[in-house]
Protein backbone atom coordinates (compact mmCIF):
# COMPACT_ATOMS: atom_id res chain seq x y z
CA MET A 1 16.49 13.68 -15.90
CA PRO A 2 16.43 14.08 -12.26
CA ARG A 3 13.53 15.73 -12.95
CA PHE A 4 11.92 12.88 -14.93
CA LEU A 5 12.35 10.61 -12.40
CA THR A 6 11.52 12.63 -9.94
CA CYS A 7 8.43 13.06 -11.54
CA VAL A 8 7.83 9.64 -12.26
CA LEU A 9 8.30 8.02 -8.76
CA ALA A 10 5.66 11.04 -7.64
CA LEU A 11 2.80 10.18 -9.67
CA ALA A 12 3.49 6.66 -9.24
CA LEU A 13 3.40 6.81 -5.34
CA LEU A 14 0.35 8.34 -5.92
CA SER A 15 -2.76 5.85 -5.52
CA ALA A 16 -6.13 5.90 -6.57
CA PRO A 17 -8.19 7.28 -3.71
CA ALA A 18 -4.64 10.04 -2.83
CA TRP A 19 -5.05 12.13 -6.59
CA ALA A 20 -8.68 11.60 -6.36
CA ASP A 21 -9.17 13.75 -3.12
CA ASP A 22 -6.64 16.31 -4.12
CA SER A 23 -9.07 17.35 -7.13
CA ASP A 24 -11.78 19.72 -7.09
CA LYS A 25 -14.35 17.59 -8.22
CA SER A 26 -13.18 14.11 -6.05
CA LYS A 27 -17.25 13.87 -5.08
CA ALA A 28 -17.56 12.57 -8.86
CA ASN A 29 -14.65 10.58 -8.64
CA PRO A 30 -15.39 7.23 -9.86
CA VAL A 31 -13.34 5.38 -7.71
CA ILE A 32 -13.89 6.86 -4.51
CA GLU A 33 -18.00 6.26 -5.15
CA ALA A 34 -17.13 3.04 -5.68
CA TYR A 35 -14.50 2.80 -2.73
CA LYS A 36 -17.55 4.14 -0.58
CA ALA A 37 -19.97 1.81 -1.78
CA PHE A 38 -17.90 -1.25 -1.46
CA THR A 39 -16.80 -0.42 2.38
CA LYS A 40 -19.97 1.15 3.54
CA ASP A 41 -21.80 -1.88 5.16
CA LEU A 42 -17.90 -3.47 6.37
CA GLY A 43 -17.32 -3.95 9.86
CA GLU A 44 -14.62 -2.60 11.74
CA LYS A 45 -11.87 -5.61 10.91
CA GLU A 46 -13.95 -6.24 7.86
CA ALA A 47 -12.72 -2.66 6.32
CA ARG A 48 -9.13 -2.87 8.13
CA HIS A 49 -8.26 -6.41 6.25
CA PHE A 50 -9.84 -4.58 3.29
CA GLY A 51 -8.14 -1.31 3.42
CA VAL A 52 -4.93 -3.57 4.13
CA LEU A 53 -5.75 -5.32 0.63
CA TYR A 54 -6.37 -1.77 -1.40
CA GLY A 55 -3.35 -0.39 -0.12
CA ASN A 56 -1.08 -3.23 -0.92
CA TYR A 57 -2.58 -3.54 -4.43
CA ASN A 58 -1.57 0.11 -4.74
CA LEU A 59 1.48 -0.44 -3.62
CA ILE A 60 2.05 -3.54 -6.26
CA LYS A 61 0.96 -1.16 -9.09
CA VAL A 62 3.23 1.62 -8.17
CA VAL A 63 6.32 -0.76 -8.83
CA GLU A 64 4.69 -1.96 -12.04
CA GLN A 65 4.40 1.67 -13.32
CA VAL A 66 7.76 2.46 -12.25
CA ARG A 67 9.31 -0.67 -13.44
CA GLY A 68 7.63 0.16 -17.15
CA SER A 69 9.28 3.63 -16.71
CA VAL A 70 12.52 2.90 -16.07
CA SER A 71 12.29 0.53 -18.82
CA GLU A 72 11.32 3.08 -21.16
CA ALA A 73 14.14 5.04 -20.05
CA ILE A 74 16.58 2.33 -20.66
CA GLU A 75 15.09 1.50 -23.67
CA ALA A 76 15.65 5.33 -24.76
CA CYS A 77 19.34 5.77 -23.78
CA GLY A 78 20.25 2.65 -25.65
CA LYS A 79 19.05 4.32 -29.19
CA ALA A 80 20.43 7.54 -28.29
CA ASN A 81 24.07 5.87 -26.91
CA PRO A 82 24.37 3.19 -28.03
CA GLU A 83 28.24 2.53 -26.21
CA MET A 84 25.85 2.33 -22.79
CA LYS A 85 23.23 -0.09 -24.23
CA ASP A 86 24.86 -2.90 -22.65
CA PRO A 87 25.65 -1.52 -19.21
CA LEU A 88 22.25 -0.54 -19.05
CA ASP A 89 21.04 -3.49 -20.15
CA LYS A 90 23.20 -5.48 -17.83
CA ARG A 91 21.89 -3.44 -15.21
CA PHE A 92 18.01 -3.22 -15.61
CA GLY A 93 18.55 -7.11 -16.20
CA GLU A 94 19.92 -7.09 -12.14
CA TRP A 95 17.26 -4.82 -11.33
CA LYS A 96 14.23 -6.84 -12.75
CA THR A 97 16.24 -9.93 -10.91
CA ALA A 98 15.86 -8.73 -7.63
CA VAL A 99 12.78 -6.87 -8.04
CA ASN A 100 10.50 -8.97 -9.69
CA PRO A 101 10.39 -12.56 -7.36
CA ILE A 102 9.74 -9.91 -4.53
CA LEU A 103 6.36 -8.19 -6.67
CA ASP A 104 5.26 -11.77 -7.56
CA GLU A 105 5.36 -12.64 -4.18
CA ALA A 106 3.62 -9.77 -3.14
CA GLN A 107 1.10 -10.81 -5.90
CA ALA A 108 0.48 -13.99 -4.31
CA ASN A 109 0.15 -12.11 -1.02
CA ILE A 110 -2.87 -10.05 -2.50
CA ASP A 111 -4.51 -13.51 -4.07
CA ASN A 112 -4.41 -15.04 -0.89
CA MET A 113 -5.79 -12.10 1.26
CA MET A 114 -8.77 -12.36 -1.13
CA ILE A 115 -9.15 -15.82 -0.67
CA ALA A 116 -9.16 -15.82 2.94
CA GLN A 117 -12.01 -13.02 3.07
CA ASP A 118 -15.28 -13.82 3.19
CA TYR A 119 -16.51 -10.22 3.21
CA ALA A 120 -17.03 -9.45 -0.45
CA LYS A 121 -17.07 -11.69 -3.86
CA LYS A 122 -13.61 -12.04 -5.57
CA LYS A 123 -14.83 -10.85 -8.62
CA ASP A 124 -16.31 -7.82 -6.56
CA ILE A 125 -12.94 -6.77 -5.23
CA LYS A 126 -11.54 -7.25 -9.18
CA ALA A 127 -14.04 -5.04 -10.18
CA LEU A 128 -13.03 -2.55 -7.92
CA PHE A 129 -9.32 -2.65 -8.93
CA LYS A 130 -9.81 -3.08 -12.60
CA LEU A 131 -11.74 0.49 -12.11
CA VAL A 132 -8.53 1.76 -10.24
CA ASP A 133 -6.69 0.93 -13.03
CA GLN A 134 -8.76 2.15 -16.06
CA GLU A 135 -8.59 5.46 -13.83
CA ARG A 136 -4.61 5.45 -13.34
CA LYS A 137 -4.34 5.21 -16.79
CA LYS A 138 -6.66 8.23 -17.76
CA ASN A 139 -4.46 10.42 -15.65
CA ASN A 140 -1.26 9.20 -16.42
CA LYS A 141 -2.86 9.66 -20.99
CA ARG A 142 -2.89 13.24 -19.35
CA ILE A 143 0.55 13.48 -18.54
CA GLU A 144 3.40 13.93 -21.53
CA ARG A 145 6.39 11.81 -20.49
CA VAL A 146 9.07 12.07 -22.51
CA PRO A 147 12.29 10.21 -21.48
CA VAL A 148 15.49 12.15 -22.06
CA SER A 149 18.17 10.59 -23.44
CA THR A 150 21.42 13.06 -23.41
CA PRO A 151 24.45 11.09 -22.46
CA GLU A 152 24.38 12.80 -18.93
CA ALA A 153 21.18 12.10 -18.35
CA CYS A 154 21.65 8.06 -18.70
CA GLU A 155 24.47 7.96 -17.03
CA PHE A 156 22.09 9.68 -14.04
CA VAL A 157 19.50 6.87 -14.60
CA LEU A 158 22.51 4.03 -14.23
CA LYS A 159 23.46 5.79 -11.09
CA GLN A 160 19.99 6.12 -10.05
CA MET A 161 19.16 2.33 -10.55
CA ASP A 162 20.77 1.01 -6.82
CA GLN A 163 18.32 3.59 -4.97
CA THR A 164 15.38 2.99 -7.22
CA GLN A 165 15.47 -0.95 -6.48
CA GLU A 166 16.13 -0.70 -2.89
CA GLY A 167 13.12 1.63 -2.84
CA MET A 168 10.77 -0.93 -4.62
CA SER A 169 12.20 -3.61 -3.02
CA ALA A 170 11.25 -1.79 0.35
CA LEU A 171 7.91 -1.14 -0.45
CA LEU A 172 6.53 -4.70 -1.94
CA ARG A 173 8.31 -6.19 1.67
CA GLN A 174 5.39 -3.57 3.13
CA THR A 175 3.02 -5.63 1.42
CA LEU A 176 3.83 -8.74 2.85
CA VAL A 177 3.78 -7.71 6.35
CA SER A 178 1.05 -5.18 6.44
CA LEU A 179 -1.36 -7.37 6.93
CA PRO A 180 -0.06 -9.23 9.89
CA GLN A 181 1.06 -5.81 11.57
CA ALA A 182 -2.41 -4.91 11.18
CA MET A 183 -3.40 -7.97 12.86
CA GLU A 184 -0.92 -7.62 15.70
CA SER A 185 -1.65 -4.48 16.58
CA GLU A 186 -5.65 -5.33 16.61
CA ALA A 187 -4.77 -7.93 18.65
CA GLN A 188 -2.63 -5.77 21.14
CA ALA A 189 -5.61 -3.04 20.91
CA GLU A 190 -7.87 -6.10 22.00
CA GLU A 191 -5.97 -7.58 24.92
CA LEU A 192 -5.65 -3.87 26.24
CA ALA A 193 -9.53 -2.95 25.87
CA LYS A 194 -10.00 -6.56 28.14
CA GLN A 195 -7.36 -5.54 30.37
CA LYS A 196 -8.55 -2.10 31.04
CA LYS A 197 -12.29 -3.63 31.44
CA ALA A 198 -11.46 -6.27 33.79
CA GLU A 199 -9.41 -3.44 35.98
CA GLU A 200 -12.72 -1.55 36.00
CA GLU A 201 -14.48 -4.23 36.82
CA ALA A 202 -12.58 -4.96 40.09
CA ASP A 203 -12.72 -1.69 40.93
CA ALA A 204 -16.74 -1.75 40.73
CA GLU A 205 -16.45 -4.85 42.84
CA GLY A 206 -13.89 -3.20 45.33
CA GLU A 207 -16.48 -0.50 46.06
CA GLN A 208 -18.91 -2.70 46.36
CA THR A 209 -17.40 -4.75 48.87
CA THR A 210 -15.66 -2.21 51.12
CA PRO A 211 -19.06 -0.46 52.81
CA GLY A 212 -20.13 -4.36 53.35
CA GLU A 213 -16.98 -5.11 55.24
CA GLY A 214 -17.83 -2.18 57.21
CA LYS A 215 -21.05 -2.83 58.89
CA ASP A 216 -19.74 -6.35 59.42
CA ASP A 217 -17.24 -5.03 61.55
CA LYS A 218 -20.11 -2.45 63.38
CA THR A 219 -22.30 -5.94 64.04
CA GLY A 220 -19.03 -7.51 65.94
CA GLU A 221 -18.51 -4.49 67.96
C-alpha cells in the first residue's frame, strides 16, 4: 500500500509541462506547443502572471486527483473490510471537511486571477486548461491503478489521512499566496533597480562636477 499511495501522489504532483518535458516526444506534445504559443507574445509581467495562474491551476488538479484516489482506496477498503468501513468513512469525511473549503477558495482565486488579467480572453485560457486536463487523463489511463484492500493496507490508508490532509491543504494555501508573493518580489526587484539607477546617476554627476570644481579653484588662485 505505501507503494500505491506513493505512486498516486507522485503522478498527481507532476503538472502537465513537467511530465511532457520528460518525454522524448516533448516537441510534439500538444500541451507544450499550446503553452508556447499562448505565452510567446506576452510581456515579462504578463508571462509571470500567467505562469502563476497556470501553476496554481495544476496544483488544484493535483489535490482533486489525490482526493479521488483516496476516495477509491476508502471505498475499496470499506467493501473488503466491513468492520473498517465506519472509521474509514468518518476520517475521510473529516479530511474532505478540512480540504474542500480551501479547494473552493483556491478555485475562486483562479477565477479572480482570470478576471483581473487583460492579456488574454478568458475562453482562451480555459481552452488551454481543458487541453491540459485531457492530456492528463490520457496519461492516467495508461497507468493501471488497483487499490490494495488488505486489512494492513487499509489500516495504513487510515494512518496516512493526517499526512495527506496536511499536504494537500499546504498545496492549496500556496496557490492563495503565490501571486501576491510574485508581485511583492517584482516590486522589490523594481525598487532595487531604481535605487541602483539613482546611485549610478549620482556617481556620474559627481564625476562631471569634480573637474569643474577644480577649474574654479585654479581661477581663484
